[in-house]
């Protein structure tokens, strides 16, 4: 299955790397580094499918030889922590054949790097036939039209005029000096060290203790280098690689696509796997357990559980959606019954009040009736008693 993988790195002396060594490694060749006198030999390395150097029009043609190209880069960088090159590692769609992948890679490098003025050295690797990928090594210093290197950053001096501080490069300062701008130097003021202009220090009689003028920490970056180094440009390159790969897949009538966005940006809740690398895969083939492969196994297991939970939740939602009409009808019937019951209770309460009033009206009559009834019972009892005495014989 086609996957998206595009890793960006910086080849820097500060991290102990060399542009010559990086190029020798990816091209599986032997190259000598003039800067440190080390020869890098990777001719025994396997898996190289294709390698090529692509140059912009202003680059010297002899730089088609990668050894000359990267030694020229090493010679142009003077500091011990210089950034020498930018490296991209991209996964090539396994569904495409060698020629299609090569065409995809060449077109992408030409449009996104070489046309912007970079020299590009790239190689395609596939050690086991199932992991085609490419290493792309790019220059980070822009070129002039005559093929010479431009500056990456330029010294920027912090100058003062009428209490205002402003930065100027060496070429800009020539014109700024005519307008009254002055550089600042460090002077000793008693026990303190302060930055002042020479004119201000002369008035106070301070002694200069440093010949270097005050400047910004990193200098002013070349606008071209600033664009190449920006986060926005990196995001654009990542998106362009996905678009280029998808177009090539569609051109070959392959129903597969890749997406440069993260899982979170795509709305995918699953956790992405990490890059294993050939070392970890070789350890697994030999029966050993590689940490990176073990992490991926755990991630796949977690994702499988997550998919099962999502499927169960989906079924539950469907069941609830189907039950809602039945529940609604039942609730409506209960509501109607409650209204009817409430009406009867209200009616009975009203009837109770009417009966109470009627009883209050007829209570005296009933009391009179009870009194007469008791008198009648007494008379009847008395009559019976007299009758018994009448019929009783006299002795």
Protein backbone atom coordinates (compact mmCIF):
# COMPACT_ATOMS: atom_id res chain seq x y z
CA UNK A 1 0.00 0.00 0.00
CA UNK A 2 1.29 3.48 -0.88
CA UNK A 3 2.40 5.33 2.25
CA UNK A 4 3.44 8.91 2.91
CA UNK A 5 6.90 9.40 4.36
CA UNK A 6 8.99 12.54 3.93
CA UNK A 7 11.68 13.20 6.51
CA UNK A 8 13.68 16.43 6.48
CA UNK A 9 17.14 16.64 8.04
CA UNK A 10 20.04 19.10 8.14
CA UNK A 11 23.62 17.99 7.50
CA UNK A 12 25.67 20.12 9.87
CA UNK A 13 29.24 20.09 11.13
CA UNK A 14 27.84 20.92 14.54
CA UNK A 15 26.27 17.44 14.68
CA UNK A 16 29.47 15.79 13.43
CA UNK A 17 28.27 15.21 9.87
CA UNK A 18 29.85 15.89 6.49
CA UNK A 19 28.16 16.67 3.16
CA UNK A 20 30.78 14.57 1.34
CA UNK A 21 30.14 11.60 3.64
CA UNK A 22 26.36 11.93 3.23
CA UNK A 23 26.67 11.95 -0.56
CA UNK A 24 29.09 8.99 -0.56
CA UNK A 25 26.71 7.00 1.64
CA UNK A 26 23.62 7.50 -0.48
CA UNK A 27 25.45 6.98 -3.80
CA UNK A 28 27.34 3.90 -2.48
CA UNK A 29 30.60 5.39 -3.69
CA UNK A 30 34.10 6.36 -2.50
CA UNK A 31 34.66 10.10 -1.97
CA UNK A 32 37.50 12.16 -0.47
CA UNK A 33 36.71 15.16 1.75
CA UNK A 34 39.26 17.93 1.20
CA UNK A 35 38.09 19.80 4.30
CA UNK A 36 39.11 17.20 6.89
CA UNK A 37 41.19 14.80 4.75
CA UNK A 38 38.89 11.82 5.35
CA UNK A 39 38.02 9.34 2.61
CA UNK A 40 34.52 7.88 2.85
CA UNK A 41 34.07 4.48 1.20
CA UNK A 42 30.57 2.99 0.90
CA UNK A 43 31.17 0.89 -2.20
CA UNK A 44 30.19 -2.29 -0.31
CA UNK A 45 26.77 -0.91 0.54
CA UNK A 46 23.88 -2.66 -1.27
CA UNK A 47 20.48 -1.51 -2.45
CA UNK A 48 21.39 1.34 -4.84
CA UNK A 49 18.91 1.49 -7.75
CA UNK A 50 19.71 4.86 -9.32
CA UNK A 51 21.73 8.03 -8.61
CA UNK A 52 21.99 11.43 -10.29
CA UNK A 53 23.10 15.05 -9.75
CA UNK A 54 20.79 17.81 -11.02
CA UNK A 55 22.08 21.40 -11.29
CA UNK A 56 20.48 24.82 -11.89
CA UNK A 57 21.68 26.75 -14.98
CA UNK A 58 24.10 29.00 -13.04
CA UNK A 59 25.99 26.11 -11.38
CA UNK A 60 29.41 25.12 -12.78
CA UNK A 61 29.01 22.02 -15.03
CA UNK A 62 31.87 20.21 -13.25
CA UNK A 63 29.60 19.91 -10.25
CA UNK A 64 27.87 17.06 -12.05
CA UNK A 65 30.63 15.14 -10.30
CA UNK A 66 29.20 14.89 -6.80
CA UNK A 67 32.64 14.78 -5.19
CA UNK A 68 33.51 18.18 -6.69
CA UNK A 69 30.08 19.58 -5.79
CA UNK A 70 30.19 18.71 -2.11
CA UNK A 71 33.86 19.59 -1.69
CA UNK A 72 32.97 23.02 -3.09
CA UNK A 73 30.21 23.22 -0.45
CA UNK A 74 32.61 22.18 2.32
CA UNK A 75 35.16 24.79 1.16
CA UNK A 76 32.57 27.58 1.21
CA UNK A 77 31.63 26.92 4.86
CA UNK A 78 34.25 28.15 7.32
CA UNK A 79 32.80 27.65 10.79
CA UNK A 80 32.89 24.46 12.86
CA UNK A 81 29.08 24.34 13.17
CA UNK A 82 28.15 25.28 9.59
CA UNK A 83 25.00 23.97 7.96
CA UNK A 84 26.27 22.11 4.90
CA UNK A 85 23.22 20.58 3.22
CA UNK A 86 19.55 19.73 3.59
CA UNK A 87 18.51 16.09 3.23
CA UNK A 88 15.11 14.63 2.44
CA UNK A 89 14.22 10.94 2.70
CA UNK A 90 10.99 10.08 0.84
CA UNK A 91 9.13 6.79 0.48
CA UNK A 92 8.35 5.94 -3.14
CA UNK A 93 4.98 4.32 -3.96
CA UNK A 94 5.53 0.57 -4.09
CA UNK A 95 2.70 0.29 -6.65
CA UNK A 96 4.81 2.16 -9.27
CA UNK A 97 7.55 0.53 -11.33
CA UNK A 98 11.15 1.78 -11.39
CA UNK A 99 10.72 4.08 -14.39
CA UNK A 100 7.58 5.71 -13.01
CA UNK A 101 9.20 6.30 -9.63
CA UNK A 102 12.28 7.77 -11.29
CA UNK A 103 10.16 10.10 -13.43
CA UNK A 104 8.13 11.12 -10.36
CA UNK A 105 11.29 11.89 -8.39
CA UNK A 106 13.08 13.79 -11.17
CA UNK A 107 10.07 16.01 -11.89
CA UNK A 108 9.53 16.73 -8.20
CA UNK A 109 13.20 17.64 -7.62
CA UNK A 110 13.34 19.82 -10.72
CA UNK A 111 10.19 21.84 -9.90
CA UNK A 112 10.66 22.16 -6.15
CA UNK A 113 14.42 22.43 -5.67
CA UNK A 114 16.50 22.93 -8.84
CA UNK A 115 14.18 25.60 -10.27
CA UNK A 116 14.59 27.48 -6.97
CA UNK A 117 18.39 27.53 -7.45
CA UNK A 118 19.51 24.49 -5.44
CA UNK A 119 21.93 21.79 -6.52
CA UNK A 120 20.34 18.39 -5.94
CA UNK A 121 22.10 15.05 -5.48
CA UNK A 122 19.71 12.11 -5.15
CA UNK A 123 19.71 8.32 -5.08
CA UNK A 124 17.03 5.61 -5.02
CA UNK A 125 17.49 2.69 -2.61
CA UNK A 126 15.60 -0.58 -2.20
CA UNK A 127 17.46 -3.20 -0.20
CA UNK A 128 14.77 -5.91 -0.11
CA UNK A 129 12.49 -5.03 -3.03
CA UNK A 130 9.69 -3.93 -0.70
CA UNK A 131 10.92 -0.56 0.55
CA UNK A 132 11.74 1.77 -2.35
CA UNK A 133 12.85 5.17 -1.05
CA UNK A 134 15.00 8.09 -2.13
CA UNK A 135 17.64 10.25 -0.45
CA UNK A 136 17.80 13.86 -1.71
CA UNK A 137 20.78 16.02 -0.72
CA UNK A 138 20.39 19.77 -1.39
CA UNK A 139 22.69 22.79 -1.17
CA UNK A 140 21.62 25.44 1.34
CA UNK A 141 23.67 28.41 0.07
CA UNK A 142 22.18 30.32 -2.92
CA UNK A 143 24.21 30.84 -6.10
CA UNK A 144 24.97 34.04 -8.00
CA UNK A 145 24.43 34.21 -11.76
CA UNK A 146 28.15 33.63 -12.33
CA UNK A 147 28.10 30.40 -10.32
CA UNK A 148 29.69 31.77 -7.14
CA UNK A 149 28.16 31.28 -3.70
CA UNK A 150 26.03 33.95 -2.10
CA UNK A 151 26.08 34.66 1.63
CA UNK A 152 23.70 32.77 3.91
CA UNK A 153 23.82 35.43 6.60
CA UNK A 154 25.45 38.86 6.52
CA UNK A 155 26.92 40.79 9.44
CA UNK A 156 24.45 43.40 10.69
CA UNK A 157 25.85 46.28 12.73
CA UNK A 158 23.66 48.05 15.29
CA UNK A 159 24.23 51.74 14.70
CA UNK A 160 22.94 54.82 16.54
CA UNK A 161 21.71 58.24 15.42
CA UNK A 162 19.93 60.75 17.68
CA UNK A 163 19.24 58.06 20.26
CA UNK A 164 17.72 55.65 17.71
CA UNK A 165 19.30 52.22 17.10
CA UNK A 166 19.11 50.54 13.71
CA UNK A 167 20.82 47.62 11.94
CA UNK A 168 22.91 47.99 8.76
CA UNK A 169 24.99 45.56 6.72
CA UNK A 170 28.51 46.54 5.67
CA UNK A 171 27.36 47.76 2.25
CA UNK A 172 24.39 49.64 3.73
CA UNK A 173 26.55 51.34 6.35
CA UNK A 174 28.52 53.27 3.74
CA UNK A 175 25.43 55.28 2.82
CA UNK A 176 24.09 55.35 6.40
CA UNK A 177 27.37 56.82 7.67
CA UNK A 178 26.91 59.83 5.40
CA UNK A 179 23.55 60.45 7.08
CA UNK A 180 25.08 60.51 10.55
CA UNK A 181 24.74 56.89 11.73
CA UNK A 182 27.63 55.61 13.89
CA UNK A 183 28.69 52.14 14.92
CA UNK A 184 28.85 51.26 18.61
CA UNK A 185 31.86 49.83 20.40
CA UNK A 186 32.46 48.58 23.91
CA UNK A 187 34.07 51.05 26.29
CA UNK A 188 35.13 50.91 29.93
CA UNK A 189 33.13 53.30 32.09
CA UNK A 190 34.54 52.89 35.59
CA UNK A 191 33.80 49.31 36.59
CA UNK A 192 31.16 48.92 33.90
CA UNK A 193 31.43 48.06 30.22
CA UNK A 194 29.07 49.95 27.93
CA UNK A 195 28.42 50.31 24.21
CA UNK A 196 28.84 53.86 22.88
CA UNK A 197 29.57 55.61 19.62
CA UNK A 198 33.16 56.87 19.22
CA UNK A 199 31.99 60.50 19.36
CA UNK A 200 30.04 59.99 22.60
CA UNK A 201 32.91 58.04 24.19
CA UNK A 202 35.43 60.71 23.21
CA UNK A 203 33.43 63.42 24.99
CA UNK A 204 33.46 61.38 28.21
CA UNK A 205 37.04 60.22 27.82
CA UNK A 206 36.23 56.49 27.88
CA UNK A 207 38.72 53.89 26.68
CA UNK A 208 37.71 51.38 24.01
CA UNK A 209 38.25 47.77 25.10
CA UNK A 210 36.97 45.88 22.01
CA UNK A 211 37.61 46.47 18.33
CA UNK A 212 34.45 44.67 17.21
CA UNK A 213 31.37 46.86 16.75
CA UNK A 214 28.03 45.94 18.28
CA UNK A 215 25.99 43.67 15.98
CA UNK A 216 23.00 41.36 15.98
CA UNK A 217 23.65 37.85 17.24
CA UNK A 218 22.92 35.91 14.04
CA UNK A 219 23.23 38.61 11.41
CA UNK A 220 20.79 39.24 8.60
CA UNK A 221 19.72 36.14 6.72
CA UNK A 222 19.78 36.02 2.93
CA UNK A 223 16.14 36.38 1.77
CA UNK A 224 16.51 33.30 -0.44
CA UNK A 225 17.96 31.22 2.40
CA UNK A 226 15.26 32.56 4.72
CA UNK A 227 12.58 31.28 2.34
CA UNK A 228 14.26 27.88 1.97
CA UNK A 229 14.56 27.53 5.75
CA UNK A 230 11.00 28.61 6.56
CA UNK A 231 8.39 26.30 8.06
CA UNK A 232 5.91 27.44 5.38
CA UNK A 233 8.23 26.27 2.59
CA UNK A 234 8.71 22.87 4.26
CA UNK A 235 4.94 22.42 4.53
CA UNK A 236 4.61 23.37 0.85
CA UNK A 237 7.24 20.80 -0.18
CA UNK A 238 5.46 18.11 1.84
CA UNK A 239 2.14 18.92 0.19
CA UNK A 240 3.74 19.06 -3.28
CA UNK A 241 5.23 15.58 -2.82
CA UNK A 242 1.82 14.12 -1.98
CA UNK A 243 0.25 15.86 -4.99
CA UNK A 244 3.01 14.70 -7.36
CA UNK A 245 2.82 11.09 -6.13
CA UNK A 246 -0.99 11.00 -6.38
CA UNK A 247 -0.88 12.36 -9.95
CA UNK A 248 1.61 9.67 -10.96
CA UNK A 249 -0.52 6.96 -9.31
CA UNK A 250 -3.61 8.24 -11.15
CA UNK A 251 -1.65 8.42 -14.42
CA UNK A 252 -0.80 4.73 -14.00
CA UNK A 253 -4.48 3.96 -13.19
CA UNK A 254 -3.64 2.84 -9.66
CA UNK A 255 -6.41 3.27 -7.12
CA UNK A 256 -4.27 4.54 -4.24
CA UNK A 257 -3.44 7.92 -2.73
CA UNK A 258 -1.18 9.36 -0.05
CA UNK A 259 -1.82 12.31 2.26
CA UNK A 260 0.85 14.60 3.72
CA UNK A 261 -1.34 15.70 6.62
CA UNK A 262 -1.07 14.18 10.07
CA UNK A 263 -3.69 11.70 11.29
CA UNK A 264 -5.11 14.40 13.57
CA UNK A 265 -5.49 16.83 10.65
CA UNK A 266 -7.20 14.11 8.61
CA UNK A 267 -9.63 13.37 11.45
CA UNK A 268 -8.14 9.88 11.97
CA UNK A 269 -8.11 8.82 15.61
CA UNK A 270 -5.71 5.90 15.13
CA UNK A 271 -2.08 6.25 16.20
CA UNK A 272 0.47 6.25 13.34
CA UNK A 273 3.28 3.73 13.33
CA UNK A 274 6.91 4.82 13.52
CA UNK A 275 9.65 4.30 10.93
CA UNK A 276 11.38 1.00 11.63
CA UNK A 277 14.41 1.15 9.35
CA UNK A 278 16.39 -1.68 7.81
CA UNK A 279 18.45 -2.36 10.95
CA UNK A 280 15.38 -3.16 13.04
CA UNK A 281 13.86 -5.23 10.22
CA UNK A 282 17.06 -7.25 9.82
CA UNK A 283 17.09 -7.94 13.57
CA UNK A 284 13.54 -9.29 13.31
CA UNK A 285 14.49 -11.51 10.38
CA UNK A 286 17.26 -13.03 12.52
CA UNK A 287 14.78 -13.88 15.27
CA UNK A 288 15.64 -10.97 17.55
CA UNK A 289 13.12 -8.45 18.87
CA UNK A 290 13.71 -4.87 17.74
CA UNK A 291 12.32 -2.12 19.95
CA UNK A 292 10.93 -0.14 17.01
CA UNK A 293 9.18 -3.17 15.55
CA UNK A 294 7.79 -4.05 18.99
CA UNK A 295 6.42 -0.51 19.35
CA UNK A 296 4.74 -0.81 15.96
CA UNK A 297 3.20 -4.16 16.93
CA UNK A 298 1.74 -2.54 20.04
CA UNK A 299 0.46 0.42 18.01
CA UNK A 300 -1.23 -1.93 15.51
CA UNK A 301 -2.81 -3.91 18.36
CA UNK A 302 -4.08 -0.70 19.97
CA UNK A 303 -5.45 0.51 16.64
CA UNK A 304 -7.21 -2.84 16.11
CA UNK A 305 -8.90 -2.52 19.52
CA UNK A 306 -9.84 1.07 18.68
CA UNK A 307 -11.40 -0.02 15.38
CA UNK A 308 -13.42 -2.72 17.17
CA UNK A 309 -14.66 -0.20 19.74
CA UNK A 310 -15.61 2.24 17.00
CA UNK A 311 -17.55 -0.54 15.20
CA UNK A 312 -19.42 -1.41 18.41
CA UNK A 313 -20.23 2.25 19.05
CA UNK A 314 -21.48 2.57 15.48
CA UNK A 315 -23.83 -0.41 15.97
CA UNK A 316 -25.04 1.06 19.27
CA UNK A 317 -25.73 4.40 17.60
CA UNK A 318 -27.67 2.67 14.82
CA UNK A 319 -29.71 0.72 17.41
CA UNK A 320 -30.48 3.90 19.30
CA UNK A 321 -31.46 5.69 16.09
CA UNK A 322 -33.89 2.87 15.25
CA UNK A 323 -35.31 2.84 18.80
CA UNK A 324 -35.93 6.56 18.99
CA UNK A 325 -39.27 6.49 17.03
CA UNK A 326 -40.62 3.65 19.22
CA UNK A 327 -39.50 5.47 22.36
CA UNK A 328 -41.10 8.68 21.10
CA UNK A 329 -44.43 6.94 20.42
CA UNK A 330 -44.40 5.32 23.87
CA UNK A 331 -43.63 8.62 25.56
CA UNK A 332 -46.45 10.31 23.61
CA UNK A 333 -48.91 7.60 24.71
CA UNK A 334 -47.82 7.99 28.34
CA UNK A 335 -48.20 11.74 28.00
CA UNK A 336 -51.77 11.40 26.66
CA UNK A 337 -52.67 8.97 29.45
CA UNK A 338 -51.28 11.35 32.05
CA UNK A 339 -53.33 14.23 30.61
CA UNK A 340 -56.51 12.11 30.64
CA UNK A 341 -55.86 10.96 34.23
CA UNK A 342 -55.16 14.50 35.33
CA UNK A 343 -58.47 15.63 33.80
CA UNK A 344 -60.41 12.94 35.70
CA UNK A 345 -58.69 13.79 38.94
CA UNK A 346 -59.57 17.43 38.44
CA UNK A 347 -63.19 16.49 37.62
CA UNK A 348 -63.45 14.30 40.71
CA UNK A 349 -62.08 17.09 42.86
CA UNK A 350 -64.78 19.40 41.54
CA UNK A 351 -67.47 16.77 42.18
CA UNK A 352 -66.17 16.37 45.70
CA UNK A 353 -66.66 20.08 46.37
CA UNK A 354 -70.26 19.95 44.99
CA UNK A 355 -71.14 16.97 47.20
CA UNK A 356 -69.64 18.71 50.21
CA UNK A 357 -71.84 21.77 49.65
CA UNK A 358 -74.92 19.56 49.14
CA UNK A 359 -74.22 17.72 52.40
CA UNK A 360 -73.90 20.96 54.31
CA UNK A 361 -77.32 22.01 53.01
CA UNK A 362 -79.13 18.77 53.89
CA UNK A 363 -77.34 18.04 57.18
CA UNK A 364 -80.01 19.78 59.42
CA UNK A 365 -82.79 17.82 57.65
CA UNK A 366 -80.90 14.61 58.18
CA UNK A 367 -80.38 15.45 61.83
CA UNK A 368 -84.13 16.13 62.20
CA UNK A 369 -84.88 12.88 60.41
CA UNK A 370 -82.61 10.99 62.82
CA UNK A 371 -84.38 12.58 65.83
CA UNK A 372 -87.88 11.66 64.56
CA UNK A 373 -86.64 8.18 63.72
CA UNK A 374 -85.36 7.68 67.25
CA UNK A 375 -88.71 8.89 68.71
CA UNK A 376 -90.62 6.51 66.45
CA UNK A 377 -88.44 3.62 67.59
CA UNK A 378 -89.11 4.58 71.20
CA UNK A 379 -92.90 4.71 70.61
CA UNK A 380 -92.86 1.36 68.82
CA UNK A 381 -90.94 -0.19 71.71
CA UNK A 382 -93.36 1.30 74.21
CA UNK A 383 -96.36 0.00 72.20
CA UNK A 384 -94.91 -3.48 72.12
CA UNK A 385 -94.35 -3.37 75.85
CA UNK A 386 -97.98 -2.32 76.52
CA UNK A 387 -99.26 -4.99 74.19
CA UNK A 388 -97.30 -7.64 76.06
CA UNK A 389 -98.69 -6.46 79.37
CA UNK A 390 -102.24 -6.47 77.97
CA UNK A 391 -102.21 -10.05 76.86
CA UNK A 392 -100.46 -11.29 79.98
CA UNK A 393 -103.05 -13.23 82.26
CA UNK A 394 -103.85 -11.96 85.70
CA UNK A 395 -103.82 -14.47 88.64
